[in-house]
Amino acid sequence: MFTLVALIVGLMFIVFGLAGVHYAPAVVKAQDRLEVALFDSDELEEDERVKITKGTAAVITFVGFGLIVYGLV
């Protein structure tokens, strides 16, 4: 049972992580438009914020792969 849950959650993490990597520039623009940017983000340029968002999404993707491997073992 736990194996199935780990596989499903891992797959969801991978999908959301890859979507986050792909849509990172749009997410940053939406944050600017809605004025919900990070605390003290005035110091960061838009390119840096996109890199941070992509990095976070990549970590989520790797966690998803880890969960899938854990579920298969």
N, C-alpha and C. Protein backbone atom coordinates (compact mmCIF):
# COMPACT_ATOMS: atom_id res chain seq x y z
N MET A 1 0.82 -1.19 0.00
CA MET A 1 0.00 0.00 0.00
C MET A 1 0.87 1.26 0.00
N PHE A 2 1.87 1.28 0.90
CA PHE A 2 2.74 2.46 0.96
C PHE A 2 3.52 2.63 -0.34
N THR A 3 3.84 1.53 -0.99
CA THR A 3 4.56 1.59 -2.26
C THR A 3 3.74 2.33 -3.30
N LEU A 4 2.47 2.03 -3.37
CA LEU A 4 1.60 2.69 -4.33
C LEU A 4 1.47 4.18 -4.03
N VAL A 5 1.36 4.51 -2.76
CA VAL A 5 1.26 5.92 -2.36
C VAL A 5 2.55 6.66 -2.72
N ALA A 6 3.70 6.05 -2.46
CA ALA A 6 4.98 6.67 -2.80
C ALA A 6 5.10 6.89 -4.30
N LEU A 7 4.65 5.94 -5.09
CA LEU A 7 4.72 6.08 -6.54
C LEU A 7 3.81 7.21 -7.04
N ILE A 8 2.61 7.28 -6.50
CA ILE A 8 1.66 8.31 -6.93
C ILE A 8 2.14 9.70 -6.51
N VAL A 9 2.57 9.83 -5.26
CA VAL A 9 3.05 11.12 -4.79
C VAL A 9 4.32 11.52 -5.54
N GLY A 10 5.20 10.57 -5.79
CA GLY A 10 6.41 10.85 -6.56
C GLY A 10 6.09 11.34 -7.96
N LEU A 11 5.13 10.70 -8.60
CA LEU A 11 4.72 11.12 -9.94
C LEU A 11 4.12 12.53 -9.91
N MET A 12 3.34 12.82 -8.89
CA MET A 12 2.76 14.16 -8.76
C MET A 12 3.86 15.21 -8.56
N PHE A 13 4.86 14.90 -7.74
CA PHE A 13 5.97 15.82 -7.52
C PHE A 13 6.71 16.07 -8.83
N ILE A 14 6.92 15.03 -9.61
CA ILE A 14 7.63 15.19 -10.88
C ILE A 14 6.84 16.08 -11.82
N VAL A 15 5.55 15.84 -11.92
CA VAL A 15 4.71 16.64 -12.83
C VAL A 15 4.70 18.10 -12.40
N PHE A 16 4.48 18.36 -11.11
CA PHE A 16 4.45 19.74 -10.64
C PHE A 16 5.83 20.39 -10.71
N GLY A 17 6.87 19.63 -10.47
CA GLY A 17 8.22 20.17 -10.57
C GLY A 17 8.58 20.57 -11.99
N LEU A 18 8.25 19.70 -12.94
CA LEU A 18 8.53 20.03 -14.34
C LEU A 18 7.69 21.21 -14.82
N ALA A 19 6.46 21.29 -14.36
CA ALA A 19 5.63 22.44 -14.70
C ALA A 19 6.21 23.72 -14.10
N GLY A 20 6.73 23.61 -12.89
CA GLY A 20 7.35 24.77 -12.25
C GLY A 20 8.59 25.25 -12.98
N VAL A 21 9.38 24.32 -13.48
CA VAL A 21 10.57 24.69 -14.26
C VAL A 21 10.14 25.38 -15.55
N HIS A 22 9.13 24.84 -16.18
CA HIS A 22 8.68 25.39 -17.46
C HIS A 22 8.03 26.77 -17.30
N TYR A 23 7.21 26.93 -16.27
CA TYR A 23 6.44 28.16 -16.11
C TYR A 23 7.06 29.15 -15.11
N ALA A 24 8.30 28.97 -14.74
CA ALA A 24 8.94 29.86 -13.77
C ALA A 24 8.90 31.33 -14.18
N PRO A 25 9.21 31.68 -15.43
CA PRO A 25 9.12 33.10 -15.80
C PRO A 25 7.71 33.67 -15.65
N ALA A 26 6.71 32.89 -15.99
CA ALA A 26 5.33 33.35 -15.86
C ALA A 26 4.95 33.51 -14.39
N VAL A 27 5.46 32.63 -13.54
CA VAL A 27 5.17 32.72 -12.11
C VAL A 27 5.76 34.01 -11.54
N VAL A 28 6.99 34.33 -11.93
CA VAL A 28 7.64 35.54 -11.43
C VAL A 28 6.89 36.78 -11.92
N LYS A 29 6.47 36.78 -13.17
CA LYS A 29 5.71 37.93 -13.69
C LYS A 29 4.37 38.07 -12.98
N ALA A 30 3.73 36.95 -12.69
CA ALA A 30 2.45 37.01 -11.96
C ALA A 30 2.67 37.52 -10.54
N GLN A 31 3.77 37.14 -9.91
CA GLN A 31 4.08 37.66 -8.57
C GLN A 31 4.26 39.17 -8.62
N ASP A 32 4.93 39.66 -9.64
CA ASP A 32 5.12 41.11 -9.78
C ASP A 32 3.79 41.81 -10.02
N ARG A 33 2.97 41.23 -10.89
CA ARG A 33 1.69 41.84 -11.23
C ARG A 33 0.76 41.90 -10.02
N LEU A 34 0.76 40.84 -9.22
CA LEU A 34 -0.13 40.77 -8.06
C LEU A 34 0.52 41.33 -6.79
N GLU A 35 1.77 41.75 -6.91
CA GLU A 35 2.54 42.30 -5.79
C GLU A 35 2.61 41.33 -4.62
N VAL A 36 2.91 40.09 -4.91
CA VAL A 36 3.08 39.07 -3.88
C VAL A 36 4.50 38.51 -3.92
N ALA A 37 5.44 39.37 -4.24
CA ALA A 37 6.83 38.93 -4.35
C ALA A 37 7.38 38.56 -2.98
N LEU A 38 8.52 37.93 -3.01
CA LEU A 38 9.18 37.50 -1.78
C LEU A 38 9.58 38.69 -0.91
N PHE A 39 9.74 38.43 0.36
CA PHE A 39 10.22 39.45 1.29
C PHE A 39 11.63 39.87 0.89
N ASP A 40 11.88 41.15 0.83
CA ASP A 40 13.17 41.72 0.43
C ASP A 40 13.59 41.29 -0.97
N SER A 41 12.63 41.12 -1.86
CA SER A 41 12.98 40.72 -3.22
C SER A 41 13.40 41.92 -4.07
N ASP A 42 13.38 43.11 -3.49
CA ASP A 42 13.82 44.29 -4.24
C ASP A 42 15.29 44.18 -4.60
N GLU A 43 16.04 43.44 -3.81
CA GLU A 43 17.47 43.27 -4.06
C GLU A 43 17.73 42.32 -5.23
N LEU A 44 16.77 41.47 -5.54
CA LEU A 44 16.95 40.47 -6.59
C LEU A 44 16.38 40.97 -7.91
N GLU A 45 17.11 40.71 -8.97
CA GLU A 45 16.60 41.04 -10.29
C GLU A 45 15.66 39.93 -10.75
N GLU A 46 14.92 40.21 -11.80
CA GLU A 46 13.94 39.23 -12.28
C GLU A 46 14.61 37.94 -12.73
N ASP A 47 15.76 38.04 -13.38
CA ASP A 47 16.46 36.83 -13.83
C ASP A 47 16.86 35.95 -12.66
N GLU A 48 17.31 36.57 -11.58
CA GLU A 48 17.69 35.80 -10.39
C GLU A 48 16.48 35.13 -9.77
N ARG A 49 15.35 35.83 -9.74
CA ARG A 49 14.14 35.24 -9.18
C ARG A 49 13.65 34.06 -10.02
N VAL A 50 13.80 34.16 -11.34
CA VAL A 50 13.43 33.04 -12.21
C VAL A 50 14.34 31.85 -11.93
N LYS A 51 15.64 32.10 -11.77
CA LYS A 51 16.58 31.01 -11.47
C LYS A 51 16.24 30.34 -10.14
N ILE A 52 15.88 31.13 -9.14
CA ILE A 52 15.52 30.57 -7.83
C ILE A 52 14.26 29.72 -7.95
N THR A 53 13.28 30.22 -8.70
CA THR A 53 12.03 29.47 -8.88
C THR A 53 12.28 28.17 -9.63
N LYS A 54 13.12 28.23 -10.67
CA LYS A 54 13.45 27.01 -11.41
C LYS A 54 14.22 26.03 -10.53
N GLY A 55 15.11 26.54 -9.71
CA GLY A 55 15.87 25.67 -8.81
C GLY A 55 14.98 24.97 -7.81
N THR A 56 14.03 25.70 -7.27
CA THR A 56 13.08 25.09 -6.33
C THR A 56 12.26 24.01 -7.01
N ALA A 57 11.81 24.29 -8.23
CA ALA A 57 11.04 23.29 -8.97
C ALA A 57 11.89 22.07 -9.31
N ALA A 58 13.16 22.29 -9.61
CA ALA A 58 14.05 21.16 -9.91
C ALA A 58 14.24 20.28 -8.68
N VAL A 59 14.34 20.89 -7.51
CA VAL A 59 14.47 20.11 -6.27
C VAL A 59 13.21 19.27 -6.05
N ILE A 60 12.06 19.86 -6.30
CA ILE A 60 10.80 19.12 -6.15
C ILE A 60 10.76 17.94 -7.13
N THR A 61 11.27 18.15 -8.34
CA THR A 61 11.32 17.07 -9.33
C THR A 61 12.23 15.94 -8.85
N PHE A 62 13.39 16.29 -8.31
CA PHE A 62 14.31 15.27 -7.82
C PHE A 62 13.73 14.51 -6.63
N VAL A 63 13.00 15.21 -5.78
CA VAL A 63 12.32 14.53 -4.67
C VAL A 63 11.31 13.53 -5.21
N GLY A 64 10.60 13.92 -6.27
CA GLY A 64 9.65 13.01 -6.90
C GLY A 64 10.32 11.76 -7.44
N PHE A 65 11.46 11.94 -8.10
CA PHE A 65 12.20 10.77 -8.59
C PHE A 65 12.66 9.90 -7.43
N GLY A 66 13.09 10.53 -6.35
CA GLY A 66 13.50 9.77 -5.18
C GLY A 66 12.36 8.97 -4.58
N LEU A 67 11.18 9.55 -4.53
CA LEU A 67 10.02 8.82 -4.02
C LEU A 67 9.67 7.64 -4.91
N ILE A 68 9.78 7.83 -6.21
CA ILE A 68 9.48 6.72 -7.12
C ILE A 68 10.49 5.59 -6.94
N VAL A 69 11.76 5.94 -6.82
CA VAL A 69 12.78 4.91 -6.60
C VAL A 69 12.53 4.21 -5.27
N TYR A 70 12.19 4.98 -4.25
CA TYR A 70 11.89 4.39 -2.94
C TYR A 70 10.68 3.46 -3.02
N GLY A 71 9.68 3.85 -3.79
CA GLY A 71 8.50 3.02 -3.93
C GLY A 71 8.75 1.75 -4.71
N LEU A 72 9.73 1.77 -5.60
CA LEU A 72 10.03 0.58 -6.39
C LEU A 72 10.96 -0.40 -5.68
N VAL A 73 11.67 0.08 -4.69
CA VAL A 73 12.63 -0.79 -3.99
C VAL A 73 11.95 -1.61 -2.94
